[in-house]
Amino acid sequence: MWNEPNLAREWGNQPPNPAQYVELLKVCYQSIKAADPDALVISAGMATTGTYSNEVMPDDLFIEQMYQAGAAPYFDLLGVHAPGYKAPRKRHLTKWSKNPSTADGGFLPSGT
């Protein structure tokens, strides 16, 4: 549901607003589930950034504030942009998934 709401450009150049995103997510979730109760609703993937300004909010802070605003009941899966800035280019996703704290760069398919 949407893409990179932690960027001002996605808000018509207004500062990112996790609580407003949750309100949108809630309406969408309820509408989607009314049309198809088995549909899976995925939250937006965030732009991976550690910067904080009126133009961008760090992805982890945006997600934390989404939860604080009551987002949990309004999505089935948390959307992410997997590569991020911390993963090494030759890191295997299957190895990282066993220990997420080691993520530090891009991923290659298992066995590559």
C-alpha atoms as a PDB file:
ATOM      1  CA  MET A   1       0.000   0.000   0.000  1.00  0.00           C
ATOM      2  CA  TRP A   2       1.881   2.999  -1.418  1.00  0.00           C
ATOM      3  CA  ASN A   3       5.635   3.476  -1.771  1.00  0.00           C
ATOM      4  CA  GLU A   4       8.204   5.301   0.348  1.00  0.00           C
ATOM      5  CA  PRO A   5       5.864   7.423   2.492  1.00  0.00           C
ATOM      6  CA  ASN A   6       8.885   8.480   4.553  1.00  0.00           C
ATOM      7  CA  LEU A   7       9.799  10.926   1.744  1.00  0.00           C
ATOM      8  CA  ALA A   8       8.252  14.404   1.415  1.00  0.00           C
ATOM      9  CA  ARG A   9       7.942  13.995  -2.366  1.00  0.00           C
ATOM     10  CA  GLU A  10       5.322  11.295  -1.694  1.00  0.00           C
ATOM     11  CA  TRP A  11       3.297  13.805   0.359  1.00  0.00           C
ATOM     12  CA  GLY A  12       3.212  16.632  -2.173  1.00  0.00           C
ATOM     13  CA  ASN A  13       6.425  17.999  -0.628  1.00  0.00           C
ATOM     14  CA  GLN A  14       4.966  18.075   2.877  1.00  0.00           C
ATOM     15  CA  PRO A  15       6.978  16.475   5.725  1.00  0.00           C
ATOM     16  CA  PRO A  16       6.442  12.701   6.035  1.00  0.00           C
ATOM     17  CA  ASN A  17       3.668  11.870   8.477  1.00  0.00           C
ATOM     18  CA  PRO A  18       3.412   8.313   9.854  1.00  0.00           C
ATOM     19  CA  ALA A  19       0.078   8.960  11.615  1.00  0.00           C
ATOM     20  CA  GLN A  20      -1.525  10.214   8.390  1.00  0.00           C
ATOM     21  CA  TYR A  21      -0.123   7.208   6.550  1.00  0.00           C
ATOM     22  CA  VAL A  22      -1.756   4.936   9.136  1.00  0.00           C
ATOM     23  CA  GLU A  23      -5.108   6.645   8.530  1.00  0.00           C
ATOM     24  CA  LEU A  24      -4.745   5.990   4.793  1.00  0.00           C
ATOM     25  CA  LEU A  25      -3.610   2.417   5.451  1.00  0.00           C
ATOM     26  CA  LYS A  26      -6.636   1.832   7.703  1.00  0.00           C
ATOM     27  CA  VAL A  27      -9.134   2.995   5.046  1.00  0.00           C
ATOM     28  CA  CYS A  28      -7.413   0.965   2.340  1.00  0.00           C
ATOM     29  CA  TYR A  29      -7.169  -2.137   4.521  1.00  0.00           C
ATOM     30  CA  GLN A  30     -10.841  -2.007   5.425  1.00  0.00           C
ATOM     31  CA  SER A  31     -11.874  -1.471   1.796  1.00  0.00           C
ATOM     32  CA  ILE A  32      -9.643  -4.249   0.484  1.00  0.00           C
ATOM     33  CA  LYS A  33     -10.811  -6.733   3.120  1.00  0.00           C
ATOM     34  CA  ALA A  34     -14.472  -5.809   2.460  1.00  0.00           C
ATOM     35  CA  ALA A  35     -13.950  -6.636  -1.224  1.00  0.00           C
ATOM     36  CA  ASP A  36     -11.816  -9.736  -0.635  1.00  0.00           C
ATOM     37  CA  PRO A  37     -11.301 -10.991   2.931  1.00  0.00           C
ATOM     38  CA  ASP A  38      -8.502 -13.294   1.766  1.00  0.00           C
ATOM     39  CA  ALA A  39      -6.448 -10.532   0.116  1.00  0.00           C
ATOM     40  CA  LEU A  40      -3.124  -9.746   1.750  1.00  0.00           C
ATOM     41  CA  VAL A  41      -2.452  -6.081   2.467  1.00  0.00           C
ATOM     42  CA  ILE A  42       1.204  -5.070   2.403  1.00  0.00           C
ATOM     43  CA  SER A  43       2.332  -1.793   3.937  1.00  0.00           C
ATOM     44  CA  ALA A  44       4.522   0.559   1.931  1.00  0.00           C
ATOM     45  CA  GLY A  45       8.213  -0.117   1.546  1.00  0.00           C
ATOM     46  CA  MET A  46      10.272   2.747   2.954  1.00  0.00           C
ATOM     47  CA  ALA A  47      13.130   4.584   1.341  1.00  0.00           C
ATOM     48  CA  THR A  48      16.147   3.315   3.256  1.00  0.00           C
ATOM     49  CA  THR A  49      17.798   6.324   4.848  1.00  0.00           C
ATOM     50  CA  GLY A  50      19.311   7.490   8.091  1.00  0.00           C
ATOM     51  CA  THR A  51      18.676  11.146   7.239  1.00  0.00           C
ATOM     52  CA  TYR A  52      16.112  13.194   9.151  1.00  0.00           C
ATOM     53  CA  SER A  53      14.782  16.466   7.765  1.00  0.00           C
ATOM     54  CA  ASN A  54      11.519  17.938   6.501  1.00  0.00           C
ATOM     55  CA  GLU A  55      12.151  16.004   3.279  1.00  0.00           C
ATOM     56  CA  VAL A  56      12.918  12.565   4.686  1.00  0.00           C
ATOM     57  CA  MET A  57      12.375  10.518   7.830  1.00  0.00           C
ATOM     58  CA  PRO A  58      14.577   7.504   8.629  1.00  0.00           C
ATOM     59  CA  ASP A  59      12.782   4.319   7.644  1.00  0.00           C
ATOM     60  CA  ASP A  60      13.063   2.724  11.087  1.00  0.00           C
ATOM     61  CA  LEU A  61      11.690   5.841  12.806  1.00  0.00           C
ATOM     62  CA  PHE A  62       8.785   6.063  10.341  1.00  0.00           C
ATOM     63  CA  ILE A  63       7.887   2.412  10.963  1.00  0.00           C
ATOM     64  CA  GLU A  64       8.196   2.830  14.735  1.00  0.00           C
ATOM     65  CA  GLN A  65       5.852   5.811  14.591  1.00  0.00           C
ATOM     66  CA  MET A  66       3.448   3.849  12.380  1.00  0.00           C
ATOM     67  CA  TYR A  67       3.169   1.247  15.132  1.00  0.00           C
ATOM     68  CA  GLN A  68       2.746   3.975  17.753  1.00  0.00           C
ATOM     69  CA  ALA A  69      -0.100   5.392  15.634  1.00  0.00           C
ATOM     70  CA  GLY A  70      -1.847   1.996  15.686  1.00  0.00           C
ATOM     71  CA  ALA A  71      -0.872   0.547  12.294  1.00  0.00           C
ATOM     72  CA  ALA A  72      -0.545  -3.096  13.364  1.00  0.00           C
ATOM     73  CA  PRO A  73      -4.153  -4.206  12.666  1.00  0.00           C
ATOM     74  CA  TYR A  74      -4.178  -2.569   9.220  1.00  0.00           C
ATOM     75  CA  PHE A  75      -1.682  -4.629   7.251  1.00  0.00           C
ATOM     76  CA  ASP A  76      -0.884  -8.311   6.920  1.00  0.00           C
ATOM     77  CA  LEU A  77       2.735  -7.955   5.794  1.00  0.00           C
ATOM     78  CA  LEU A  78       5.268  -5.202   6.413  1.00  0.00           C
ATOM     79  CA  GLY A  79       6.579  -3.981   3.063  1.00  0.00           C
ATOM     80  CA  VAL A  80      10.343  -3.466   2.815  1.00  0.00           C
ATOM     81  CA  HIS A  81      12.953  -2.636   0.226  1.00  0.00           C
ATOM     82  CA  ALA A  82      15.328  -5.472   0.993  1.00  0.00           C
ATOM     83  CA  PRO A  83      18.707  -4.241  -0.253  1.00  0.00           C
ATOM     84  CA  GLY A  84      18.928  -1.129   1.886  1.00  0.00           C
ATOM     85  CA  TYR A  85      22.262   0.520   2.554  1.00  0.00           C
ATOM     86  CA  LYS A  86      23.712  -1.938   5.085  1.00  0.00           C
ATOM     87  CA  ALA A  87      23.952  -5.229   3.153  1.00  0.00           C
ATOM     88  CA  PRO A  88      27.175  -6.343   1.390  1.00  0.00           C
ATOM     89  CA  ARG A  89      26.760  -6.930  -2.335  1.00  0.00           C
ATOM     90  CA  LYS A  90      27.699 -10.604  -2.105  1.00  0.00           C
ATOM     91  CA  ARG A  91      25.608 -11.478   0.943  1.00  0.00           C
ATOM     92  CA  HIS A  92      23.306 -14.467   0.454  1.00  0.00           C
ATOM     93  CA  LEU A  93      19.709 -13.806   1.423  1.00  0.00           C
ATOM     94  CA  THR A  94      19.358 -17.283   2.928  1.00  0.00           C
ATOM     95  CA  LYS A  95      22.390 -16.698   5.178  1.00  0.00           C
ATOM     96  CA  TRP A  96      21.158 -13.242   6.214  1.00  0.00           C
ATOM     97  CA  SER A  97      17.640 -14.489   6.935  1.00  0.00           C
ATOM     98  CA  LYS A  98      19.024 -16.851   9.587  1.00  0.00           C
ATOM     99  CA  ASN A  99      20.698 -13.943  11.378  1.00  0.00           C
ATOM    100  CA  PRO A 100      19.232 -10.535  10.324  1.00  0.00           C
ATOM    101  CA  SER A 101      21.586  -8.633  12.610  1.00  0.00           C
ATOM    102  CA  THR A 102      24.393  -9.410  10.152  1.00  0.00           C
ATOM    103  CA  ALA A 103      22.718  -7.587   7.240  1.00  0.00           C
ATOM    104  CA  ASP A 104      25.097  -5.059   5.799  1.00  0.00           C
ATOM    105  CA  GLY A 105      24.697  -4.911   1.996  1.00  0.00           C
ATOM    106  CA  GLY A 106      23.035  -6.182  -1.231  1.00  0.00           C
ATOM    107  CA  PHE A 107      21.945  -9.772  -1.747  1.00  0.00           C
ATOM    108  CA  LEU A 108      22.593 -12.525  -4.252  1.00  0.00           C
ATOM    109  CA  PRO A 109      20.318 -15.496  -4.800  1.00  0.00           C
ATOM    110  CA  SER A 110      21.178 -18.508  -2.670  1.00  0.00           C
ATOM    111  CA  GLY A 111      23.933 -20.619  -4.215  1.00  0.00           C
ATOM    112  CA  THR A 112      25.431 -17.773  -6.263  1.00  0.00           C
END
